Amino acid sequence: MATKSDRVEARVSREQHRRIQRAAQLAGQSVSSFIVAASVEKAEEVIAEHSVTEVPADYFDRLVAAIDRPTAAPKLGRAAKRARVRARIR
């Protein structure tokens, strides 16, 4: 387990504090452990939501087809030929 050295503080209303205490008690956790677990869970949700891009299926199909379609790249072809001909430094 990683060493816990950082600290996070928050101001809450009396009602919020009571609700958090009650939930922590029901979960069998300390208030601190409950808050950390709930915060980390929410953080993972938010990160996951922002890590995925959803697009309609027809858009995705067109995108994959465009990527798979070969395109002419004459400059790249010439550069590759030059690289094959040039002596390499060893």
PDB file of N, CA and C in Angstrom:
ATOM      1  N   MET A   1       0.845  -1.184   0.000  1.00  0.00           N
ATOM      2  CA  MET A   1       0.000   0.000   0.000  1.00  0.00           C
ATOM      3  C   MET A   1       0.886   1.241   0.000  1.00  0.00           C
ATOM      4  N   ALA A   2       0.507   2.224  -0.765  1.00  0.00           N
ATOM      5  CA  ALA A   2       1.288   3.458  -0.862  1.00  0.00           C
ATOM      6  C   ALA A   2       1.196   4.242   0.442  1.00  0.00           C
ATOM      7  N   THR A   3       2.269   4.939   0.750  1.00  0.00           N
ATOM      8  CA  THR A   3       2.287   5.781   1.938  1.00  0.00           C
ATOM      9  C   THR A   3       1.374   6.971   1.716  1.00  0.00           C
ATOM     10  N   LYS A   4       0.564   7.244   2.692  1.00  0.00           N
ATOM     11  CA  LYS A   4      -0.358   8.379   2.597  1.00  0.00           C
ATOM     12  C   LYS A   4       0.316   9.593   3.209  1.00  0.00           C
ATOM     13  N   SER A   5       0.639  10.558   2.349  1.00  0.00           N
ATOM     14  CA  SER A   5       1.313  11.746   2.848  1.00  0.00           C
ATOM     15  C   SER A   5       0.582  13.031   2.472  1.00  0.00           C
ATOM     16  N   ASP A   6      -0.240  12.968   1.428  1.00  0.00           N
ATOM     17  CA  ASP A   6      -0.964  14.160   1.007  1.00  0.00           C
ATOM     18  C   ASP A   6      -2.254  14.309   1.811  1.00  0.00           C
ATOM     19  N   ARG A   7      -2.691  15.548   1.909  1.00  0.00           N
ATOM     20  CA  ARG A   7      -3.881  15.831   2.702  1.00  0.00           C
ATOM     21  C   ARG A   7      -4.856  16.630   1.856  1.00  0.00           C
ATOM     22  N   VAL A   8      -6.146  16.324   2.009  1.00  0.00           N
ATOM     23  CA  VAL A   8      -7.209  17.044   1.321  1.00  0.00           C
ATOM     24  C   VAL A   8      -8.207  17.501   2.371  1.00  0.00           C
ATOM     25  N   GLU A   9      -8.617  18.735   2.273  1.00  0.00           N
ATOM     26  CA  GLU A   9      -9.597  19.253   3.223  1.00  0.00           C
ATOM     27  C   GLU A   9     -10.795  19.795   2.463  1.00  0.00           C
ATOM     28  N   ALA A  10     -11.957  19.759   3.112  1.00  0.00           N
ATOM     29  CA  ALA A  10     -13.171  20.290   2.487  1.00  0.00           C
ATOM     30  C   ALA A  10     -14.092  20.840   3.568  1.00  0.00           C
ATOM     31  N   ARG A  11     -14.784  21.878   3.226  1.00  0.00           N
ATOM     32  CA  ARG A  11     -15.800  22.430   4.128  1.00  0.00           C
ATOM     33  C   ARG A  11     -17.145  21.887   3.687  1.00  0.00           C
ATOM     34  N   VAL A  12     -17.899  21.405   4.636  1.00  0.00           N
ATOM     35  CA  VAL A  12     -19.231  20.859   4.350  1.00  0.00           C
ATOM     36  C   VAL A  12     -20.231  21.460   5.316  1.00  0.00           C
ATOM     37  N   SER A  13     -21.492  21.412   4.909  1.00  0.00           N
ATOM     38  CA  SER A  13     -22.540  21.895   5.802  1.00  0.00           C
ATOM     39  C   SER A  13     -22.758  20.869   6.911  1.00  0.00           C
ATOM     40  N   ARG A  14     -23.456  21.261   7.932  1.00  0.00           N
ATOM     41  CA  ARG A  14     -23.742  20.347   9.043  1.00  0.00           C
ATOM     42  C   ARG A  14     -24.529  19.136   8.534  1.00  0.00           C
ATOM     43  N   GLU A  15     -25.499  19.390   7.653  1.00  0.00           N
ATOM     44  CA  GLU A  15     -26.309  18.296   7.114  1.00  0.00           C
ATOM     45  C   GLU A  15     -25.453  17.352   6.265  1.00  0.00           C
ATOM     46  N   GLN A  16     -24.594  17.895   5.440  1.00  0.00           N
ATOM     47  CA  GLN A  16     -23.710  17.046   4.632  1.00  0.00           C
ATOM     48  C   GLN A  16     -22.817  16.197   5.534  1.00  0.00           C
ATOM     49  N   HIS A  17     -22.320  16.802   6.601  1.00  0.00           N
ATOM     50  CA  HIS A  17     -21.455  16.078   7.535  1.00  0.00           C
ATOM     51  C   HIS A  17     -22.216  14.936   8.192  1.00  0.00           C
ATOM     52  N   ARG A  18     -23.436  15.199   8.592  1.00  0.00           N
ATOM     53  CA  ARG A  18     -24.252  14.145   9.218  1.00  0.00           C
ATOM     54  C   ARG A  18     -24.502  13.001   8.238  1.00  0.00           C
ATOM     55  N   ARG A  19     -24.814  13.349   7.004  1.00  0.00           N
ATOM     56  CA  ARG A  19     -25.089  12.307   6.000  1.00  0.00           C
ATOM     57  C   ARG A  19     -23.839  11.470   5.725  1.00  0.00           C
ATOM     58  N   ILE A  20     -22.697  12.130   5.629  1.00  0.00           N
ATOM     59  CA  ILE A  20     -21.440  11.419   5.394  1.00  0.00           C
ATOM     60  C   ILE A  20     -21.121  10.511   6.570  1.00  0.00           C
ATOM     61  N   GLN A  21     -21.282  11.018   7.779  1.00  0.00           N
ATOM     62  CA  GLN A  21     -21.033  10.196   8.969  1.00  0.00           C
ATOM     63  C   GLN A  21     -21.941   8.977   8.985  1.00  0.00           C
ATOM     64  N   ARG A  22     -23.212   9.178   8.672  1.00  0.00           N
ATOM     65  CA  ARG A  22     -24.192   8.072   8.680  1.00  0.00           C
ATOM     66  C   ARG A  22     -23.806   7.032   7.622  1.00  0.00           C
ATOM     67  N   ALA A  23     -23.466   7.486   6.445  1.00  0.00           N
ATOM     68  CA  ALA A  23     -23.100   6.558   5.373  1.00  0.00           C
ATOM     69  C   ALA A  23     -21.824   5.792   5.731  1.00  0.00           C
ATOM     70  N   ALA A  24     -20.853   6.480   6.294  1.00  0.00           N
ATOM     71  CA  ALA A  24     -19.615   5.825   6.707  1.00  0.00           C
ATOM     72  C   ALA A  24     -19.899   4.761   7.752  1.00  0.00           C
ATOM     73  N   GLN A  25     -20.770   5.103   8.688  1.00  0.00           N
ATOM     74  CA  GLN A  25     -21.145   4.146   9.741  1.00  0.00           C
ATOM     75  C   GLN A  25     -21.802   2.913   9.126  1.00  0.00           C
ATOM     76  N   LEU A  26     -22.737   3.131   8.210  1.00  0.00           N
ATOM     77  CA  LEU A  26     -23.424   2.011   7.559  1.00  0.00           C
ATOM     78  C   LEU A  26     -22.457   1.151   6.741  1.00  0.00           C
ATOM     79  N   ALA A  27     -21.435   1.786   6.183  1.00  0.00           N
ATOM     80  CA  ALA A  27     -20.442   1.059   5.393  1.00  0.00           C
ATOM     81  C   ALA A  27     -19.369   0.418   6.264  1.00  0.00           C
ATOM     82  N   GLY A  28     -19.387   0.718   7.554  1.00  0.00           N
ATOM     83  CA  GLY A  28     -18.397   0.163   8.462  1.00  0.00           C
ATOM     84  C   GLY A  28     -17.014   0.761   8.256  1.00  0.00           C
ATOM     85  N   GLN A  29     -16.988   2.045   7.898  1.00  0.00           N
ATOM     86  CA  GLN A  29     -15.714   2.717   7.639  1.00  0.00           C
ATOM     87  C   GLN A  29     -15.620   3.985   8.482  1.00  0.00           C
ATOM     88  N   SER A  30     -14.395   4.455   8.627  1.00  0.00           N
ATOM     89  CA  SER A  30     -14.229   5.765   9.248  1.00  0.00           C
ATOM     90  C   SER A  30     -14.704   6.807   8.239  1.00  0.00           C
ATOM     91  N   VAL A  31     -15.007   7.992   8.727  1.00  0.00           N
ATOM     92  CA  VAL A  31     -15.442   9.065   7.830  1.00  0.00           C
ATOM     93  C   VAL A  31     -14.345   9.340   6.800  1.00  0.00           C
ATOM     94  N   SER A  32     -13.105   9.397   7.250  1.00  0.00           N
ATOM     95  CA  SER A  32     -11.990   9.669   6.347  1.00  0.00           C
ATOM     96  C   SER A  32     -11.889   8.598   5.254  1.00  0.00           C
ATOM     97  N   SER A  33     -11.938   7.337   5.639  1.00  0.00           N
ATOM     98  CA  SER A  33     -11.856   6.249   4.661  1.00  0.00           C
ATOM     99  C   SER A  33     -13.029   6.283   3.690  1.00  0.00           C
ATOM    100  N   PHE A  34     -14.204   6.585   4.221  1.00  0.00           N
ATOM    101  CA  PHE A  34     -15.396   6.657   3.380  1.00  0.00           C
ATOM    102  C   PHE A  34     -15.259   7.773   2.344  1.00  0.00           C
ATOM    103  N   ILE A  35     -14.814   8.938   2.784  1.00  0.00           N
ATOM    104  CA  ILE A  35     -14.667  10.080   1.877  1.00  0.00           C
ATOM    105  C   ILE A  35     -13.620   9.780   0.805  1.00  0.00           C
ATOM    106  N   VAL A  36     -12.503   9.187   1.197  1.00  0.00           N
ATOM    107  CA  VAL A  36     -11.461   8.862   0.225  1.00  0.00           C
ATOM    108  C   VAL A  36     -11.990   7.849  -0.793  1.00  0.00           C
ATOM    109  N   ALA A  37     -12.634   6.797  -0.323  1.00  0.00           N
ATOM    110  CA  ALA A  37     -13.141   5.765  -1.231  1.00  0.00           C
ATOM    111  C   ALA A  37     -14.175   6.343  -2.190  1.00  0.00           C
ATOM    112  N   ALA A  38     -15.094   7.155  -1.677  1.00  0.00           N
ATOM    113  CA  ALA A  38     -16.131   7.750  -2.526  1.00  0.00           C
ATOM    114  C   ALA A  38     -15.520   8.710  -3.537  1.00  0.00           C
ATOM    115  N   SER A  39     -14.534   9.474  -3.111  1.00  0.00           N
ATOM    116  CA  SER A  39     -13.879  10.433  -4.004  1.00  0.00           C
ATOM    117  C   SER A  39     -13.105   9.727  -5.107  1.00  0.00           C
ATOM    118  N   VAL A  40     -12.384   8.682  -4.749  1.00  0.00           N
ATOM    119  CA  VAL A  40     -11.611   7.934  -5.742  1.00  0.00           C
ATOM    120  C   VAL A  40     -12.554   7.268  -6.738  1.00  0.00           C
ATOM    121  N   GLU A  41     -13.657   6.712  -6.250  1.00  0.00           N
ATOM    122  CA  GLU A  41     -14.642   6.078  -7.135  1.00  0.00           C
ATOM    123  C   GLU A  41     -15.193   7.096  -8.127  1.00  0.00           C
ATOM    124  N   LYS A  42     -15.559   8.272  -7.656  1.00  0.00           N
ATOM    125  CA  LYS A  42     -16.079   9.320  -8.528  1.00  0.00           C
ATOM    126  C   LYS A  42     -15.010   9.794  -9.499  1.00  0.00           C
ATOM    127  N   ALA A  43     -13.779   9.921  -9.030  1.00  0.00           N
ATOM    128  CA  ALA A  43     -12.679  10.338  -9.901  1.00  0.00           C
ATOM    129  C   ALA A  43     -12.496   9.346 -11.046  1.00  0.00           C
ATOM    130  N   GLU A  44     -12.561   8.056 -10.747  1.00  0.00           N
ATOM    131  CA  GLU A  44     -12.421   7.033 -11.787  1.00  0.00           C
ATOM    132  C   GLU A  44     -13.541   7.140 -12.816  1.00  0.00           C
ATOM    133  N   GLU A  45     -14.760   7.398 -12.364  1.00  0.00           N
ATOM    134  CA  GLU A  45     -15.897   7.573 -13.281  1.00  0.00           C
ATOM    135  C   GLU A  45     -15.653   8.742 -14.224  1.00  0.00           C
ATOM    136  N   VAL A  46     -15.254   9.880 -13.659  1.00  0.00           N
ATOM    137  CA  VAL A  46     -15.041  11.084 -14.464  1.00  0.00           C
ATOM    138  C   VAL A  46     -13.901  10.872 -15.459  1.00  0.00           C
ATOM    139  N   ILE A  47     -12.820  10.259 -15.010  1.00  0.00           N
ATOM    140  CA  ILE A  47     -11.690   9.985 -15.897  1.00  0.00           C
ATOM    141  C   ILE A  47     -12.120   9.059 -17.028  1.00  0.00           C
ATOM    142  N   ALA A  48     -12.875   8.019 -16.710  1.00  0.00           N
ATOM    143  CA  ALA A  48     -13.342   7.078 -17.728  1.00  0.00           C
ATOM    144  C   ALA A  48     -14.249   7.773 -18.740  1.00  0.00           C
ATOM    145  N   GLU A  49     -15.122   8.644 -18.271  1.00  0.00           N
ATOM    146  CA  GLU A  49     -16.024   9.376 -19.176  1.00  0.00           C
ATOM    147  C   GLU A  49     -15.242  10.237 -20.157  1.00  0.00           C
ATOM    148  N   HIS A  50     -14.122  10.769 -19.709  1.00  0.00           N
ATOM    149  CA  HIS A  50     -13.341  11.653 -20.560  1.00  0.00           C
ATOM    150  C   HIS A  50     -12.258  10.918 -21.342  1.00  0.00           C
ATOM    151  N   SER A  51     -12.153   9.615 -21.154  1.00  0.00           N
ATOM    152  CA  SER A  51     -11.138   8.822 -21.840  1.00  0.00           C
ATOM    153  C   SER A  51     -11.699   8.090 -23.049  1.00  0.00           C
ATOM    154  N   VAL A  52     -12.993   8.166 -23.241  1.00  0.00           N
ATOM    155  CA  VAL A  52     -13.649   7.430 -24.316  1.00  0.00           C
ATOM    156  C   VAL A  52     -14.395   8.419 -25.206  1.00  0.00           C
ATOM    157  N   THR A  53     -14.262   8.224 -26.496  1.00  0.00           N
ATOM    158  CA  THR A  53     -15.017   9.037 -27.445  1.00  0.00           C
ATOM    159  C   THR A  53     -15.987   8.114 -28.165  1.00  0.00           C
ATOM    160  N   GLU A  54     -17.238   8.417 -28.052  1.00  0.00           N
ATOM    161  CA  GLU A  54     -18.253   7.607 -28.722  1.00  0.00           C
ATOM    162  C   GLU A  54     -18.720   8.330 -29.973  1.00  0.00           C
ATOM    163  N   VAL A  55     -18.806   7.577 -31.058  1.00  0.00           N
ATOM    164  CA  VAL A  55     -19.292   8.130 -32.314  1.00  0.00           C
ATOM    165  C   VAL A  55     -20.334   7.173 -32.890  1.00  0.00           C
ATOM    166  N   PRO A  56     -21.218   7.685 -33.735  1.00  0.00           N
ATOM    167  CA  PRO A  56     -22.205   6.801 -34.370  1.00  0.00           C
ATOM    168  C   PRO A  56     -21.498   5.731 -35.214  1.00  0.00           C
ATOM    169  N   ALA A  57     -22.117   4.579 -35.328  1.00  0.00           N
ATOM    170  CA  ALA A  57     -21.511   3.440 -36.032  1.00  0.00           C
ATOM    171  C   ALA A  57     -21.165   3.778 -37.477  1.00  0.00           C
ATOM    172  N   ASP A  58     -22.036   4.501 -38.182  1.00  0.00           N
ATOM    173  CA  ASP A  58     -21.752   4.815 -39.586  1.00  0.00           C
ATOM    174  C   ASP A  58     -20.529   5.729 -39.711  1.00  0.00           C
ATOM    175  N   TYR A  59     -20.355   6.650 -38.777  1.00  0.00           N
ATOM    176  CA  TYR A  59     -19.167   7.520 -38.782  1.00  0.00           C
ATOM    177  C   TYR A  59     -17.916   6.680 -38.553  1.00  0.00           C
ATOM    178  N   PHE A  60     -17.972   5.774 -37.607  1.00  0.00           N
ATOM    179  CA  PHE A  60     -16.822   4.912 -37.308  1.00  0.00           C
ATOM    180  C   PHE A  60     -16.466   4.067 -38.526  1.00  0.00           C
ATOM    181  N   ASP A  61     -17.467   3.511 -39.187  1.00  0.00           N
ATOM    182  CA  ASP A  61     -17.219   2.691 -40.377  1.00  0.00           C
ATOM    183  C   ASP A  61     -16.542   3.505 -41.479  1.00  0.00           C
ATOM    184  N   ARG A  62     -16.997   4.749 -41.686  1.00  0.00           N
ATOM    185  CA  ARG A  62     -16.378   5.610 -42.699  1.00  0.00           C
ATOM    186  C   ARG A  62     -14.934   5.950 -42.312  1.00  0.00           C
ATOM    187  N   LEU A  63     -14.699   6.182 -41.027  1.00  0.00           N
ATOM    188  CA  LEU A  63     -13.358   6.495 -40.550  1.00  0.00           C
ATOM    189  C   LEU A  63     -12.405   5.326 -40.787  1.00  0.00           C
ATOM    190  N   VAL A  64     -12.824   4.123 -40.425  1.00  0.00           N
ATOM    191  CA  VAL A  64     -11.979   2.937 -40.616  1.00  0.00           C
ATOM    192  C   VAL A  64     -11.723   2.710 -42.102  1.00  0.00           C
ATOM    193  N   ALA A  65     -12.753   2.898 -42.934  1.00  0.00           N
ATOM    194  CA  ALA A  65     -12.573   2.724 -44.377  1.00  0.00           C
ATOM    195  C   ALA A  65     -11.557   3.730 -44.916  1.00  0.00           C
ATOM    196  N   ALA A  66     -11.610   4.964 -44.442  1.00  0.00           N
ATOM    197  CA  ALA A  66     -10.667   5.989 -44.891  1.00  0.00           C
ATOM    198  C   ALA A  66      -9.245   5.648 -44.461  1.00  0.00           C
ATOM    199  N   ILE A  67      -9.098   5.138 -43.266  1.00  0.00           N
ATOM    200  CA  ILE A  67      -7.767   4.762 -42.775  1.00  0.00           C
ATOM    201  C   ILE A  67      -7.214   3.586 -43.575  1.00  0.00           C
ATOM    202  N   ASP A  68      -8.076   2.644 -43.920  1.00  0.00           N
ATOM    203  CA  ASP A  68      -7.644   1.458 -44.655  1.00  0.00           C
ATOM    204  C   ASP A  68      -7.361   1.735 -46.128  1.00  0.00           C
ATOM    205  N   ARG A  69      -7.893   2.828 -46.675  1.00  0.00           N
ATOM    206  CA  ARG A  69      -7.725   3.146 -48.086  1.00  0.00           C
ATOM    207  C   ARG A  69      -6.302   3.663 -48.320  1.00  0.00           C
ATOM    208  N   PRO A  70      -5.553   2.987 -49.216  1.00  0.00           N
ATOM    209  CA  PRO A  70      -4.184   3.461 -49.473  1.00  0.00           C
ATOM    210  C   PRO A  70      -4.217   4.792 -50.215  1.00  0.00           C
ATOM    211  N   THR A  71      -3.287   5.648 -49.880  1.00  0.00           N
ATOM    212  CA  THR A  71      -3.184   6.931 -50.567  1.00  0.00           C
ATOM    213  C   THR A  71      -1.778   7.077 -51.113  1.00  0.00           C
ATOM    214  N   ALA A  72      -1.692   7.844 -52.165  1.00  0.00           N
ATOM    215  CA  ALA A  72      -0.380   8.083 -52.769  1.00  0.00           C
ATOM    216  C   ALA A  72       0.413   9.015 -51.859  1.00  0.00           C
ATOM    217  N   ALA A  73       1.654   8.669 -51.649  1.00  0.00           N
ATOM    218  CA  ALA A  73       2.555   9.506 -50.861  1.00  0.00           C
ATOM    219  C   ALA A  73       3.889   9.536 -51.598  1.00  0.00           C
ATOM    220  N   PRO A  74       3.942  10.281 -52.720  1.00  0.00           N
ATOM    221  CA  PRO A  74       5.151  10.245 -53.552  1.00  0.00           C
ATOM    222  C   PRO A  74       6.409  10.700 -52.827  1.00  0.00           C
ATOM    223  N   LYS A  75       6.317  11.707 -52.001  1.00  0.00           N
ATOM    224  CA  LYS A  75       7.516  12.170 -51.284  1.00  0.00           C
ATOM    225  C   LYS A  75       8.026  11.104 -50.332  1.00  0.00           C
ATOM    226  N   LEU A  76       7.108  10.419 -49.669  1.00  0.00           N
ATOM    227  CA  LEU A  76       7.501   9.358 -48.749  1.00  0.00           C
ATOM    228  C   LEU A  76       8.163   8.209 -49.518  1.00  0.00           C
ATOM    229  N   GLY A  77       7.607   7.883 -50.686  1.00  0.00           N
ATOM    230  CA  GLY A  77       8.184   6.825 -51.509  1.00  0.00           C
ATOM    231  C   GLY A  77       9.599   7.154 -51.942  1.00  0.00           C
ATOM    232  N   ARG A  78       9.801   8.406 -52.367  1.00  0.00           N
ATOM    233  CA  ARG A  78      11.146   8.821 -52.786  1.00  0.00           C
ATOM    234  C   ARG A  78      12.121   8.790 -51.602  1.00  0.00           C
ATOM    235  N   ALA A  79      11.663   9.233 -50.453  1.00  0.00           N
ATOM    236  CA  ALA A  79      12.524   9.223 -49.264  1.00  0.00           C
ATOM    237  C   ALA A  79      12.904   7.798 -48.891  1.00  0.00           C
ATOM    238  N   ALA A  80      11.970   6.867 -49.012  1.00  0.00           N
ATOM    239  CA  ALA A  80      12.255   5.466 -48.693  1.00  0.00           C
ATOM    240  C   ALA A  80      13.292   4.900 -49.664  1.00  0.00           C
ATOM    241  N   LYS A  81      13.182   5.251 -50.961  1.00  0.00           N
ATOM    242  CA  LYS A  81      14.152   4.773 -51.955  1.00  0.00           C
ATOM    243  C   LYS A  81      15.542   5.323 -51.651  1.00  0.00           C
ATOM    244  N   ARG A  82      15.614   6.621 -51.297  1.00  0.00           N
ATOM    245  CA  ARG A  82      16.909   7.222 -50.960  1.00  0.00           C
ATOM    246  C   ARG A  82      17.518   6.530 -49.739  1.00  0.00           C
ATOM    247  N   ALA A  83      16.706   6.217 -48.781  1.00  0.00           N
ATOM    248  CA  ALA A  83      17.201   5.579 -47.558  1.00  0.00           C
ATOM    249  C   ALA A  83      17.774   4.198 -47.865  1.00  0.00           C
ATOM    250  N   ARG A  84      17.177   3.482 -48.802  1.00  0.00           N
ATOM    251  CA  ARG A  84      17.675   2.154 -49.165  1.00  0.00           C
ATOM    252  C   ARG A  84      19.014   2.233 -49.891  1.00  0.00           C
ATOM    253  N   VAL A  85      19.192   3.295 -50.679  1.00  0.00           N
ATOM    254  CA  VAL A  85      20.407   3.436 -51.481  1.00  0.00           C
ATOM    255  C   VAL A  85      21.575   3.950 -50.648  1.00  0.00           C
ATOM    256  N   ARG A  86      21.331   4.858 -49.732  1.00  0.00           N
ATOM    257  CA  ARG A  86      22.394   5.460 -48.921  1.00  0.00           C
ATOM    258  C   ARG A  86      23.091   4.444 -48.040  1.00  0.00           C
ATOM    259  N   ALA A  87      24.396   4.609 -47.945  1.00  0.00           N
ATOM    260  CA  ALA A  87      25.161   3.755 -47.030  1.00  0.00           C
ATOM    261  C   ALA A  87      24.869   4.192 -45.600  1.00  0.00           C
ATOM    262  N   ARG A  88      24.700   3.257 -44.753  1.00  0.00           N
ATOM    263  CA  ARG A  88      24.417   3.572 -43.355  1.00  0.00           C
ATOM    264  C   ARG A  88      25.711   3.669 -42.561  1.00  0.00           C
ATOM    265  N   ILE A  89      25.722   4.536 -41.581  1.00  0.00           N
ATOM    266  CA  ILE A  89      26.865   4.652 -40.693  1.00  0.00           C
ATOM    267  C   ILE A  89      26.813   3.519 -39.689  1.00  0.00           C
ATOM    268  N   ARG A  90      27.928   2.871 -39.513  1.00  0.00           N
ATOM    269  CA  ARG A  90      27.939   1.761 -38.559  1.00  0.00           C
ATOM    270  C   ARG A  90      28.888   2.048 -37.452  1.00  0.00           C
TER     271      ARG A  90
END
